[in-house]
Each structure stands twice: as C-alpha cells, then as structure tokens.
C-alpha cells in the first residue's frame, strides 16, 4: 500500500511540476527595472565633475566621483524609478514623510510642486555618535514625469559638521534654479 501511495504521490507531483511552454509563458511576468525602463548612462556630468555609475538596483542607480567609495562619498547623483504615480498625492506623501522622520533625525526640508515636477530640498543634520552620518548631507531631488513614468534625479553633497546649519541651508536653497537647469536628462528605453 505504501508503495502504491508513494508512486501515486510521485506521479501527481511530477504532473503538477510539468508545465507546458505556453502555460509557462503566460505565468512569466517581466518586472520592469530602472535598467530596462531608462537609458542609463555610464557617467553623468554635473557641477563640472564626472560621476560614475557604481550601483544598479531594481529601481535605483547611483553615481559617485571616481575616487569615492559607495559608503564614503562626498558628492553623489542618484536616479530612482518611481513608476506611474499621482504627482499631487506623491508631493503630500513626501511632505508627510519628512515631517514624521524629522522627529527621529533632525532635518530641514522643502517640498514644492513646480509645474509638472516636484522639487525637494533636504538638509540632514549630523547624527551624534554615528561615524556614518557625522556630516551634514544636503540633497536636491527633481521628480519629473516622462513617457515611462516618474523619475527622481537627486544630487547630494556632504558638508563638515563645523559649518553653521542656517548658512548652509540658505546657500543650498539658492542653488535650486541651477539644479533644475543642470539636472541630467535621462531618456526612456523606447525613445
């Protein structure tokens, strides 16, 4: 009896595991990634410097200066695929996230819609007793629509903790028009 049961179980499992090519094609779904949706350059020029692609994730690509490492950078550019999202809802969500996170780690931020795009400015304060975050980090993000969905383009720069936060914030805010004008242009794969 055990032999018959085991043979029937084996036959059933084999039948379940056997999928025809047509069924397999129906079930296979291609998950879009930033590499398959956008034409990612190997380098990006910004602020008279060349940033080199060092990281590709599912939805993110990061670019660093040639001599800088991923975990010890001074300046970086990152691209993040956001997909097809509602701009108004996203701007409100971004604002709410900053407000909630500000209670955990001090930061200054502005989120504003500028026509069909969102401009986000953030100044993260140094974190005491944490060598990984012992500097100010200033970031600009430009979130803009394209034919293949929303893309966030960010430029971040670290500053020594000895700088005055108010002056640093004012100086960083003045660079908004420069960033919007000079942010890298990233095309969709189908263009």
N, C-alpha and C. Protein backbone atom coordinates (compact mmCIF):
# COMPACT_ATOMS: atom_id res chain seq x y z
N UNK A 1 0.82 -1.19 0.00
CA UNK A 1 0.00 0.00 0.00
C UNK A 1 0.87 1.25 0.00
N UNK A 2 1.94 1.22 0.82
CA UNK A 2 2.82 2.39 0.87
C UNK A 2 3.46 2.65 -0.49
N UNK A 3 3.84 1.54 -1.19
CA UNK A 3 4.48 1.70 -2.50
C UNK A 3 3.51 2.35 -3.49
N UNK A 4 2.27 1.93 -3.49
CA UNK A 4 1.29 2.49 -4.40
C UNK A 4 1.07 3.97 -4.07
N UNK A 5 0.94 4.29 -2.78
CA UNK A 5 0.74 5.67 -2.35
C UNK A 5 1.91 6.55 -2.78
N UNK A 6 3.12 6.07 -2.57
CA UNK A 6 4.32 6.83 -2.92
C UNK A 6 4.39 7.02 -4.44
N UNK A 7 4.06 5.96 -5.22
CA UNK A 7 4.08 6.08 -6.67
C UNK A 7 3.02 7.08 -7.15
N UNK A 8 1.85 7.04 -6.56
CA UNK A 8 0.78 7.98 -6.94
C UNK A 8 1.17 9.41 -6.57
N UNK A 9 1.75 9.56 -5.38
CA UNK A 9 2.20 10.88 -4.95
C UNK A 9 3.27 11.41 -5.88
N UNK A 10 4.21 10.57 -6.25
CA UNK A 10 5.28 10.97 -7.17
C UNK A 10 4.71 11.36 -8.53
N UNK A 11 3.76 10.57 -9.04
CA UNK A 11 3.15 10.86 -10.33
C UNK A 11 2.38 12.19 -10.27
N UNK A 12 1.66 12.41 -9.17
CA UNK A 12 0.90 13.65 -9.02
C UNK A 12 1.84 14.85 -8.96
N UNK A 13 2.89 14.74 -8.16
CA UNK A 13 3.84 15.84 -8.05
C UNK A 13 4.54 16.11 -9.37
N UNK A 14 4.87 15.07 -10.11
CA UNK A 14 5.50 15.23 -11.41
C UNK A 14 4.55 15.94 -12.37
N UNK A 15 3.30 15.54 -12.37
CA UNK A 15 2.31 16.17 -13.25
C UNK A 15 2.13 17.64 -12.88
N UNK A 16 2.13 17.94 -11.59
CA UNK A 16 1.97 19.33 -11.17
C UNK A 16 3.19 20.17 -11.54
N UNK A 17 4.34 19.56 -11.51
CA UNK A 17 5.57 20.29 -11.79
C UNK A 17 5.81 20.46 -13.28
N UNK A 18 5.13 19.67 -14.11
CA UNK A 18 5.32 19.76 -15.54
C UNK A 18 4.38 20.82 -16.09
N UNK A 19 4.97 21.84 -16.70
CA UNK A 19 4.19 22.94 -17.25
C UNK A 19 4.53 23.05 -18.72
N UNK A 20 3.52 23.16 -19.54
CA UNK A 20 3.78 23.30 -20.97
C UNK A 20 4.40 24.66 -21.24
N UNK A 21 5.14 24.80 -22.35
CA UNK A 21 5.77 26.09 -22.66
C UNK A 21 4.76 27.24 -22.74
N UNK A 22 3.57 26.96 -23.27
CA UNK A 22 2.56 28.02 -23.37
C UNK A 22 2.11 28.49 -22.00
N UNK A 23 1.90 27.56 -21.07
CA UNK A 23 1.49 27.93 -19.72
C UNK A 23 2.60 28.71 -19.02
N UNK A 24 3.84 28.31 -19.25
CA UNK A 24 4.97 28.99 -18.62
C UNK A 24 5.06 30.44 -19.11
N UNK A 25 4.86 30.64 -20.40
CA UNK A 25 4.92 31.99 -20.96
C UNK A 25 3.82 32.88 -20.38
N UNK A 26 2.64 32.30 -20.16
CA UNK A 26 1.54 33.07 -19.59
C UNK A 26 1.86 33.52 -18.17
N UNK A 27 2.50 32.65 -17.39
CA UNK A 27 2.77 32.94 -15.99
C UNK A 27 3.97 33.85 -15.79
N UNK A 28 4.90 33.86 -16.73
CA UNK A 28 6.11 34.67 -16.58
C UNK A 28 5.77 36.14 -16.78
N UNK A 29 6.09 36.94 -15.78
CA UNK A 29 5.86 38.37 -15.87
C UNK A 29 7.20 39.06 -15.79
N UNK A 30 7.39 40.00 -16.67
CA UNK A 30 8.64 40.75 -16.68
C UNK A 30 8.47 41.93 -15.73
N UNK A 31 9.31 41.98 -14.73
CA UNK A 31 9.27 43.07 -13.76
C UNK A 31 10.18 44.17 -14.28
N UNK A 32 9.62 45.36 -14.50
CA UNK A 32 10.47 46.45 -15.01
C UNK A 32 11.50 46.88 -13.97
N UNK A 33 12.69 47.17 -14.43
CA UNK A 33 13.75 47.69 -13.57
C UNK A 33 14.22 49.01 -14.16
N UNK A 34 14.96 49.75 -13.39
CA UNK A 34 15.46 51.04 -13.90
C UNK A 34 16.31 50.83 -15.15
N UNK A 35 17.00 49.69 -15.25
CA UNK A 35 17.85 49.41 -16.41
C UNK A 35 17.02 49.09 -17.65
N UNK A 36 15.85 48.47 -17.48
CA UNK A 36 15.02 48.12 -18.63
C UNK A 36 14.08 49.24 -19.04
N UNK A 37 13.84 50.20 -18.17
CA UNK A 37 12.92 51.29 -18.46
C UNK A 37 13.64 52.54 -18.97
N UNK A 38 14.82 52.84 -18.42
CA UNK A 38 15.56 54.06 -18.78
C UNK A 38 16.88 53.73 -19.44
N UNK A 39 17.35 54.65 -20.26
CA UNK A 39 18.68 54.56 -20.87
C UNK A 39 19.68 55.14 -19.88
N UNK A 40 20.25 54.30 -19.05
CA UNK A 40 21.17 54.76 -18.01
C UNK A 40 22.57 54.97 -18.58
N UNK A 41 23.09 56.17 -18.45
CA UNK A 41 24.46 56.40 -18.92
C UNK A 41 25.46 55.79 -17.93
N UNK A 42 26.66 55.54 -18.40
CA UNK A 42 27.72 55.04 -17.52
C UNK A 42 28.29 56.17 -16.67
N UNK A 43 28.23 57.41 -17.20
CA UNK A 43 28.71 58.57 -16.45
C UNK A 43 27.68 59.69 -16.55
N UNK A 44 27.71 60.58 -15.57
CA UNK A 44 26.87 61.78 -15.56
C UNK A 44 27.77 62.97 -15.24
N UNK A 45 27.64 64.04 -16.03
CA UNK A 45 28.38 65.28 -15.77
C UNK A 45 27.46 66.23 -15.02
N UNK A 46 27.93 66.73 -13.90
CA UNK A 46 27.17 67.70 -13.11
C UNK A 46 28.16 68.47 -12.25
N UNK A 47 27.96 69.77 -12.14
CA UNK A 47 28.80 70.62 -11.31
C UNK A 47 30.28 70.53 -11.73
N UNK A 48 30.50 70.46 -13.05
CA UNK A 48 31.85 70.36 -13.63
C UNK A 48 32.61 69.12 -13.17
N UNK A 49 31.89 68.08 -12.84
CA UNK A 49 32.51 66.84 -12.38
C UNK A 49 31.85 65.66 -13.09
N UNK A 50 32.58 64.55 -13.14
CA UNK A 50 32.05 63.34 -13.74
C UNK A 50 31.76 62.33 -12.65
N UNK A 51 30.53 61.84 -12.65
CA UNK A 51 30.08 60.82 -11.70
C UNK A 51 29.95 59.50 -12.46
N UNK A 52 30.45 58.42 -11.84
CA UNK A 52 30.49 57.12 -12.48
C UNK A 52 29.47 56.18 -11.83
N UNK A 53 28.75 55.44 -12.69
CA UNK A 53 27.75 54.50 -12.18
C UNK A 53 28.46 53.39 -11.41
N UNK A 54 28.07 53.21 -10.16
CA UNK A 54 28.69 52.18 -9.33
C UNK A 54 27.67 51.21 -8.75
N UNK A 55 26.38 51.57 -8.83
CA UNK A 55 25.36 50.71 -8.24
C UNK A 55 24.12 50.72 -9.11
N UNK A 56 23.63 49.53 -9.41
CA UNK A 56 22.35 49.34 -10.11
C UNK A 56 21.47 48.48 -9.22
N UNK A 57 20.35 49.00 -8.81
CA UNK A 57 19.37 48.20 -8.08
C UNK A 57 18.16 48.00 -8.95
N UNK A 58 17.11 47.48 -8.38
CA UNK A 58 15.88 47.27 -9.14
C UNK A 58 15.30 48.61 -9.59
N UNK A 59 15.26 49.58 -8.68
CA UNK A 59 14.66 50.87 -9.01
C UNK A 59 15.62 52.04 -8.84
N UNK A 60 16.89 51.79 -8.55
CA UNK A 60 17.84 52.86 -8.25
C UNK A 60 19.18 52.63 -8.96
N UNK A 61 19.78 53.72 -9.41
CA UNK A 61 21.16 53.70 -9.90
C UNK A 61 21.89 54.83 -9.19
N UNK A 62 23.12 54.56 -8.74
CA UNK A 62 23.90 55.57 -8.02
C UNK A 62 25.21 55.83 -8.74
N UNK A 63 25.59 57.10 -8.74
CA UNK A 63 26.79 57.56 -9.42
C UNK A 63 27.67 58.31 -8.41
N UNK A 64 28.96 57.98 -8.41
CA UNK A 64 29.92 58.59 -7.49
C UNK A 64 31.10 59.16 -8.26
N UNK A 65 31.80 60.10 -7.64
CA UNK A 65 33.03 60.59 -8.23
C UNK A 65 34.04 59.46 -8.27
N UNK A 66 34.99 59.52 -9.19
CA UNK A 66 35.87 58.38 -9.44
C UNK A 66 36.63 57.89 -8.22
N UNK A 67 37.10 58.78 -7.39
CA UNK A 67 37.93 58.37 -6.25
C UNK A 67 37.10 58.04 -4.99
N UNK A 68 35.80 58.17 -5.07
CA UNK A 68 34.98 57.96 -3.87
C UNK A 68 34.29 56.60 -3.88
N UNK A 69 34.16 56.05 -2.68
CA UNK A 69 33.53 54.76 -2.49
C UNK A 69 32.05 54.97 -2.14
N UNK A 70 31.26 53.92 -2.33
CA UNK A 70 29.83 53.99 -2.07
C UNK A 70 29.51 54.43 -0.64
N UNK A 71 30.27 53.99 0.32
CA UNK A 71 29.95 54.31 1.72
C UNK A 71 30.77 55.47 2.27
N UNK A 72 31.60 56.10 1.44
CA UNK A 72 32.41 57.23 1.90
C UNK A 72 32.42 58.34 0.87
N UNK A 73 31.29 58.66 0.33
CA UNK A 73 31.19 59.66 -0.72
C UNK A 73 31.08 61.07 -0.15
N UNK A 74 31.49 62.03 -0.96
CA UNK A 74 31.32 63.44 -0.63
C UNK A 74 30.21 64.06 -1.48
N UNK A 75 30.10 63.57 -2.71
CA UNK A 75 29.04 64.01 -3.62
C UNK A 75 28.56 62.80 -4.39
N UNK A 76 27.27 62.77 -4.71
CA UNK A 76 26.73 61.66 -5.49
C UNK A 76 25.49 62.11 -6.25
N UNK A 77 25.18 61.36 -7.30
CA UNK A 77 23.96 61.54 -8.08
C UNK A 77 23.24 60.21 -8.04
N UNK A 78 21.94 60.25 -7.81
CA UNK A 78 21.18 59.01 -7.84
C UNK A 78 19.92 59.19 -8.67
N UNK A 79 19.52 58.11 -9.30
CA UNK A 79 18.31 58.07 -10.11
C UNK A 79 17.39 57.02 -9.49
N UNK A 80 16.12 57.37 -9.35
CA UNK A 80 15.18 56.41 -8.76
C UNK A 80 13.91 56.38 -9.60
N UNK A 81 13.57 55.19 -10.06
CA UNK A 81 12.37 54.98 -10.85
C UNK A 81 11.18 54.91 -9.90
N UNK A 82 10.20 55.76 -10.12
CA UNK A 82 9.02 55.80 -9.25
C UNK A 82 7.79 55.21 -9.92
N UNK A 83 7.85 54.98 -11.21
CA UNK A 83 6.70 54.42 -11.92
C UNK A 83 5.64 55.47 -12.19
N UNK A 84 4.45 55.02 -12.44
CA UNK A 84 3.34 55.94 -12.74
C UNK A 84 2.62 56.26 -11.44
N UNK A 85 2.82 57.47 -10.97
CA UNK A 85 2.24 57.90 -9.69
C UNK A 85 1.50 59.21 -9.87
N UNK A 86 0.61 59.49 -8.95
CA UNK A 86 -0.10 60.77 -8.93
C UNK A 86 0.79 61.81 -8.27
N UNK A 87 1.11 62.87 -9.01
CA UNK A 87 2.05 63.89 -8.51
C UNK A 87 1.56 64.56 -7.23
N UNK A 88 0.30 64.95 -7.20
CA UNK A 88 -0.23 65.65 -6.02
C UNK A 88 -0.14 64.76 -4.78
N UNK A 89 -0.58 63.52 -4.93
CA UNK A 89 -0.54 62.58 -3.80
C UNK A 89 0.89 62.32 -3.37
N UNK A 90 1.80 62.20 -4.34
CA UNK A 90 3.20 61.94 -4.01
C UNK A 90 3.82 63.11 -3.26
N UNK A 91 3.53 64.34 -3.70
CA UNK A 91 4.07 65.53 -3.03
C UNK A 91 3.58 65.58 -1.58
N UNK A 92 2.31 65.29 -1.36
CA UNK A 92 1.76 65.29 0.01
C UNK A 92 2.40 64.19 0.84
N UNK A 93 2.58 63.03 0.25
CA UNK A 93 3.21 61.91 0.96
C UNK A 93 4.66 62.22 1.31
N UNK A 94 5.37 62.85 0.41
CA UNK A 94 6.76 63.23 0.64
C UNK A 94 6.85 64.22 1.80
N UNK A 95 5.97 65.20 1.81
CA UNK A 95 5.92 66.18 2.88
C UNK A 95 5.63 65.50 4.22
N UNK A 96 4.64 64.61 4.25
CA UNK A 96 4.27 63.92 5.49
C UNK A 96 5.40 63.03 5.98
N UNK A 97 6.10 62.38 5.06
CA UNK A 97 7.23 61.52 5.45
C UNK A 97 8.33 62.34 6.09
N UNK A 98 8.68 63.47 5.50
CA UNK A 98 9.71 64.33 6.09
C UNK A 98 9.29 64.79 7.48
N UNK A 99 8.04 65.19 7.63
CA UNK A 99 7.57 65.66 8.94
C UNK A 99 7.66 64.55 9.98
N UNK A 100 7.28 63.34 9.62
CA UNK A 100 7.34 62.22 10.56
C UNK A 100 8.78 61.84 10.88
N UNK A 101 9.64 61.79 9.86
CA UNK A 101 11.03 61.39 10.06
C UNK A 101 11.85 62.46 10.78
N UNK A 102 11.42 63.70 10.71
CA UNK A 102 12.14 64.79 11.37
C UNK A 102 12.19 64.58 12.88
N UNK A 103 11.23 63.89 13.42
CA UNK A 103 11.22 63.60 14.86
C UNK A 103 12.34 62.62 15.22
N UNK A 104 12.75 61.77 14.28
CA UNK A 104 13.79 60.76 14.54
C UNK A 104 15.20 61.31 14.27
N UNK A 105 15.35 62.01 13.17
CA UNK A 105 16.66 62.56 12.78
C UNK A 105 16.41 63.96 12.25
N UNK A 106 17.07 64.93 12.86
CA UNK A 106 16.81 66.33 12.53
C UNK A 106 17.17 66.63 11.08
N UNK A 107 16.28 67.40 10.44
CA UNK A 107 16.49 67.81 9.06
C UNK A 107 15.68 69.07 8.77
N UNK A 108 16.09 69.76 7.75
CA UNK A 108 15.30 70.85 7.19
C UNK A 108 14.90 70.39 5.80
N UNK A 109 13.71 70.79 5.36
CA UNK A 109 13.28 70.33 4.06
C UNK A 109 12.24 71.28 3.47
N UNK A 110 12.12 71.24 2.18
CA UNK A 110 11.08 71.92 1.42
C UNK A 110 10.65 70.99 0.31
N UNK A 111 9.37 70.87 0.12
CA UNK A 111 8.82 70.10 -0.98
C UNK A 111 7.86 71.04 -1.70
N UNK A 112 8.09 71.25 -2.99
CA UNK A 112 7.16 72.11 -3.71
C UNK A 112 6.97 71.61 -5.13
N UNK A 113 5.74 71.77 -5.59
CA UNK A 113 5.45 71.42 -6.97
C UNK A 113 5.77 72.62 -7.83
N UNK A 114 6.49 72.35 -8.90
CA UNK A 114 6.94 73.38 -9.81
C UNK A 114 6.45 72.97 -11.20
N UNK A 115 5.21 73.33 -11.53
CA UNK A 115 4.63 72.88 -12.78
C UNK A 115 4.43 71.38 -12.74
N UNK A 116 4.91 70.66 -13.77
CA UNK A 116 4.72 69.22 -13.80
C UNK A 116 5.77 68.43 -13.00
N UNK A 117 6.54 69.11 -12.19
CA UNK A 117 7.59 68.42 -11.44
C UNK A 117 7.56 68.81 -9.97
N UNK A 118 8.22 68.00 -9.16
CA UNK A 118 8.37 68.27 -7.74
C UNK A 118 9.84 68.54 -7.48
N UNK A 119 10.13 69.58 -6.71
CA UNK A 119 11.50 69.88 -6.30
C UNK A 119 11.54 69.69 -4.78
N UNK A 120 12.48 68.86 -4.35
CA UNK A 120 12.65 68.58 -2.92
C UNK A 120 14.05 68.99 -2.51
N UNK A 121 14.14 69.79 -1.47
CA UNK A 121 15.43 70.19 -0.90
C UNK A 121 15.47 69.67 0.53
N UNK A 122 16.58 69.04 0.90
CA UNK A 122 16.70 68.50 2.25
C UNK A 122 18.10 68.75 2.78
N UNK A 123 18.16 69.10 4.05
CA UNK A 123 19.44 69.20 4.76
C UNK A 123 19.34 68.29 5.97
N UNK A 124 20.07 67.18 5.93
CA UNK A 124 20.12 66.23 7.04
C UNK A 124 21.23 66.68 7.98
N UNK A 125 20.92 66.75 9.25
CA UNK A 125 21.90 67.17 10.25
C UNK A 125 22.79 65.99 10.64
N UNK A 126 24.01 66.28 11.13
CA UNK A 126 24.88 65.19 11.60
C UNK A 126 24.21 64.45 12.76
N UNK A 127 24.49 63.15 12.82
CA UNK A 127 23.96 62.32 13.90
C UNK A 127 25.08 62.09 14.91
N UNK A 128 24.82 62.45 16.14
CA UNK A 128 25.84 62.26 17.18
C UNK A 128 26.15 60.79 17.37
N UNK A 129 27.41 60.51 17.61
CA UNK A 129 27.89 59.16 17.92
C UNK A 129 27.64 58.15 16.79
N UNK A 130 27.59 58.61 15.56
CA UNK A 130 27.44 57.70 14.43
C UNK A 130 28.37 58.17 13.32
N UNK A 131 29.50 57.51 13.17
CA UNK A 131 30.52 57.93 12.21
C UNK A 131 30.01 57.91 10.77
N UNK A 132 29.00 57.08 10.48
CA UNK A 132 28.47 57.02 9.12
C UNK A 132 27.73 58.30 8.74
N UNK A 133 27.17 58.98 9.72
CA UNK A 133 26.36 60.17 9.46
C UNK A 133 26.83 61.35 10.29
N UNK A 134 28.13 61.59 10.30
CA UNK A 134 28.69 62.64 11.15
C UNK A 134 28.89 63.96 10.41
N UNK A 135 28.26 64.12 9.25
CA UNK A 135 28.35 65.34 8.45
C UNK A 135 26.95 65.80 8.09
N UNK A 136 26.85 67.03 7.64
CA UNK A 136 25.61 67.50 7.03
C UNK A 136 25.51 66.86 5.65
N UNK A 137 24.31 66.48 5.26
CA UNK A 137 24.07 66.00 3.91
C UNK A 137 22.97 66.85 3.30
N UNK A 138 23.30 67.56 2.23
CA UNK A 138 22.33 68.39 1.52
C UNK A 138 21.96 67.68 0.23
N UNK A 139 20.66 67.65 -0.06
CA UNK A 139 20.17 66.93 -1.23
C UNK A 139 19.13 67.75 -1.97
N UNK A 140 19.25 67.74 -3.27
CA UNK A 140 18.21 68.23 -4.16
C UNK A 140 17.65 67.02 -4.88
N UNK A 141 16.34 66.96 -5.02
CA UNK A 141 15.72 65.92 -5.84
C UNK A 141 14.73 66.60 -6.78
N UNK A 142 14.79 66.19 -8.02
CA UNK A 142 13.87 66.67 -9.03
C UNK A 142 13.07 65.46 -9.48
N UNK A 143 11.78 65.48 -9.21
CA UNK A 143 10.90 64.38 -9.59
C UNK A 143 10.08 64.88 -10.77
N UNK A 144 10.24 64.21 -11.90
CA UNK A 144 9.58 64.70 -13.10
C UNK A 144 8.99 63.56 -13.91
N UNK A 145 7.92 63.89 -14.64
CA UNK A 145 7.27 62.86 -15.47
C UNK A 145 8.05 62.62 -16.76
N UNK A 146 7.89 61.42 -17.28
CA UNK A 146 8.42 61.08 -18.59
C UNK A 146 7.43 60.10 -19.22
N UNK A 147 7.69 59.72 -20.46
CA UNK A 147 6.80 58.77 -21.12
C UNK A 147 6.78 57.41 -20.44
N UNK A 148 7.81 57.13 -19.64
CA UNK A 148 7.88 55.81 -18.99
C UNK A 148 7.68 55.89 -17.47
N UNK A 149 7.07 56.97 -17.00
CA UNK A 149 6.77 57.09 -15.57
C UNK A 149 7.60 58.19 -14.92
N UNK A 150 7.47 58.29 -13.62
CA UNK A 150 8.19 59.33 -12.86
C UNK A 150 9.60 58.87 -12.55
N UNK A 151 10.53 59.83 -12.61
CA UNK A 151 11.92 59.57 -12.29
C UNK A 151 12.38 60.64 -11.31
N UNK A 152 13.01 60.22 -10.22
CA UNK A 152 13.61 61.15 -9.26
C UNK A 152 15.11 61.21 -9.54
N UNK A 153 15.60 62.42 -9.77
CA UNK A 153 17.02 62.65 -10.00
C UNK A 153 17.53 63.44 -8.80
N UNK A 154 18.49 62.89 -8.07
CA UNK A 154 18.98 63.54 -6.85
C UNK A 154 20.46 63.85 -6.95
N UNK A 155 20.82 64.98 -6.38
CA UNK A 155 22.22 65.36 -6.23
C UNK A 155 22.43 65.63 -4.75
N UNK A 156 23.40 64.95 -4.16
CA UNK A 156 23.67 65.08 -2.73
C UNK A 156 25.13 65.46 -2.51
N UNK A 157 25.34 66.23 -1.46
CA UNK A 157 26.70 66.65 -1.12
C UNK A 157 26.84 66.69 0.39
N UNK A 158 27.96 66.21 0.88
CA UNK A 158 28.26 66.25 2.32
C UNK A 158 29.05 67.51 2.65
N UNK A 159 28.78 68.04 3.85
CA UNK A 159 29.48 69.22 4.35
C UNK A 159 29.96 68.94 5.77
N UNK A 160 31.10 69.52 6.17
CA UNK A 160 31.61 69.29 7.53
C UNK A 160 30.60 69.71 8.60
N UNK A 161 30.61 69.01 9.70
CA UNK A 161 29.69 69.32 10.80
C UNK A 161 30.02 70.65 11.46
N UNK A 162 31.18 71.23 11.16
CA UNK A 162 31.57 72.51 11.75
C UNK A 162 30.85 73.70 11.09
N UNK A 163 30.22 73.47 9.95
CA UNK A 163 29.50 74.56 9.30
C UNK A 163 28.24 74.92 10.07
N UNK A 164 27.80 76.15 9.91
CA UNK A 164 26.57 76.63 10.56
C UNK A 164 25.37 76.19 9.73
N UNK A 165 24.42 75.54 10.37
CA UNK A 165 23.26 74.98 9.68
C UNK A 165 22.46 76.04 8.93
N UNK A 166 22.21 77.18 9.56
CA UNK A 166 21.40 78.21 8.91
C UNK A 166 22.05 78.73 7.63
N UNK A 167 23.34 78.99 7.68
CA UNK A 167 24.05 79.49 6.50
C UNK A 167 24.09 78.41 5.41
N UNK A 168 24.37 77.20 5.80
CA UNK A 168 24.41 76.09 4.85
C UNK A 168 23.06 75.92 4.15
N UNK A 169 21.98 75.97 4.91
CA UNK A 169 20.63 75.84 4.36
C UNK A 169 20.34 76.98 3.38
N UNK A 170 20.65 78.20 3.76
CA UNK A 170 20.40 79.35 2.87
C UNK A 170 21.21 79.22 1.58
N UNK A 171 22.47 78.86 1.69
CA UNK A 171 23.30 78.70 0.50
C UNK A 171 22.78 77.58 -0.41
N UNK A 172 22.36 76.49 0.19
CA UNK A 172 21.86 75.34 -0.57
C UNK A 172 20.56 75.70 -1.29
N UNK A 173 19.68 76.41 -0.62
CA UNK A 173 18.40 76.81 -1.21
C UNK A 173 18.60 77.68 -2.45
N UNK A 174 19.66 78.45 -2.47
CA UNK A 174 19.93 79.34 -3.61
C UNK A 174 20.30 78.58 -4.88
N UNK A 175 20.63 77.31 -4.77
CA UNK A 175 21.08 76.52 -5.92
C UNK A 175 19.92 75.84 -6.67
N UNK A 176 18.70 76.12 -6.26
CA UNK A 176 17.56 75.42 -6.86
C UNK A 176 17.48 75.60 -8.37
N UNK A 177 17.54 76.82 -8.87
CA UNK A 177 17.42 77.04 -10.32
C UNK A 177 18.60 76.41 -11.05
N UNK A 178 19.80 76.44 -10.44
CA UNK A 178 20.97 75.78 -11.04
C UNK A 178 20.70 74.28 -11.19
N UNK A 179 20.16 73.66 -10.13
CA UNK A 179 19.93 72.22 -10.18
C UNK A 179 18.87 71.87 -11.22
N UNK A 180 17.76 72.61 -11.23
CA UNK A 180 16.71 72.31 -12.20
C UNK A 180 17.25 72.42 -13.63
N UNK A 181 18.04 73.44 -13.89
CA UNK A 181 18.61 73.66 -15.23
C UNK A 181 19.63 72.58 -15.60
N UNK A 182 20.43 72.13 -14.65
CA UNK A 182 21.55 71.23 -14.94
C UNK A 182 21.33 69.76 -14.59
N UNK A 183 20.18 69.43 -14.04
CA UNK A 183 19.92 68.01 -13.71
C UNK A 183 20.06 67.17 -14.97
N UNK A 184 20.65 65.98 -14.85
CA UNK A 184 20.84 65.16 -16.05
C UNK A 184 19.51 64.80 -16.72
N UNK A 185 19.53 64.70 -18.02
CA UNK A 185 18.37 64.30 -18.80
C UNK A 185 18.49 62.80 -19.06
N UNK A 186 17.51 62.05 -18.61
CA UNK A 186 17.53 60.58 -18.76
C UNK A 186 16.35 60.18 -19.63
N UNK A 187 16.63 59.52 -20.74
CA UNK A 187 15.60 59.11 -21.69
C UNK A 187 15.06 57.71 -21.37
N UNK A 188 13.85 57.47 -21.82
CA UNK A 188 13.26 56.13 -21.71
C UNK A 188 13.93 55.20 -22.73
N UNK A 189 13.89 53.91 -22.45
CA UNK A 189 14.48 52.93 -23.38
C UNK A 189 13.81 52.96 -24.74
N UNK A 190 12.51 53.25 -24.78
CA UNK A 190 11.80 53.20 -26.05
C UNK A 190 11.92 54.48 -26.87
N UNK A 191 12.78 55.39 -26.48
CA UNK A 191 12.95 56.65 -27.24
C UNK A 191 14.22 56.66 -28.02
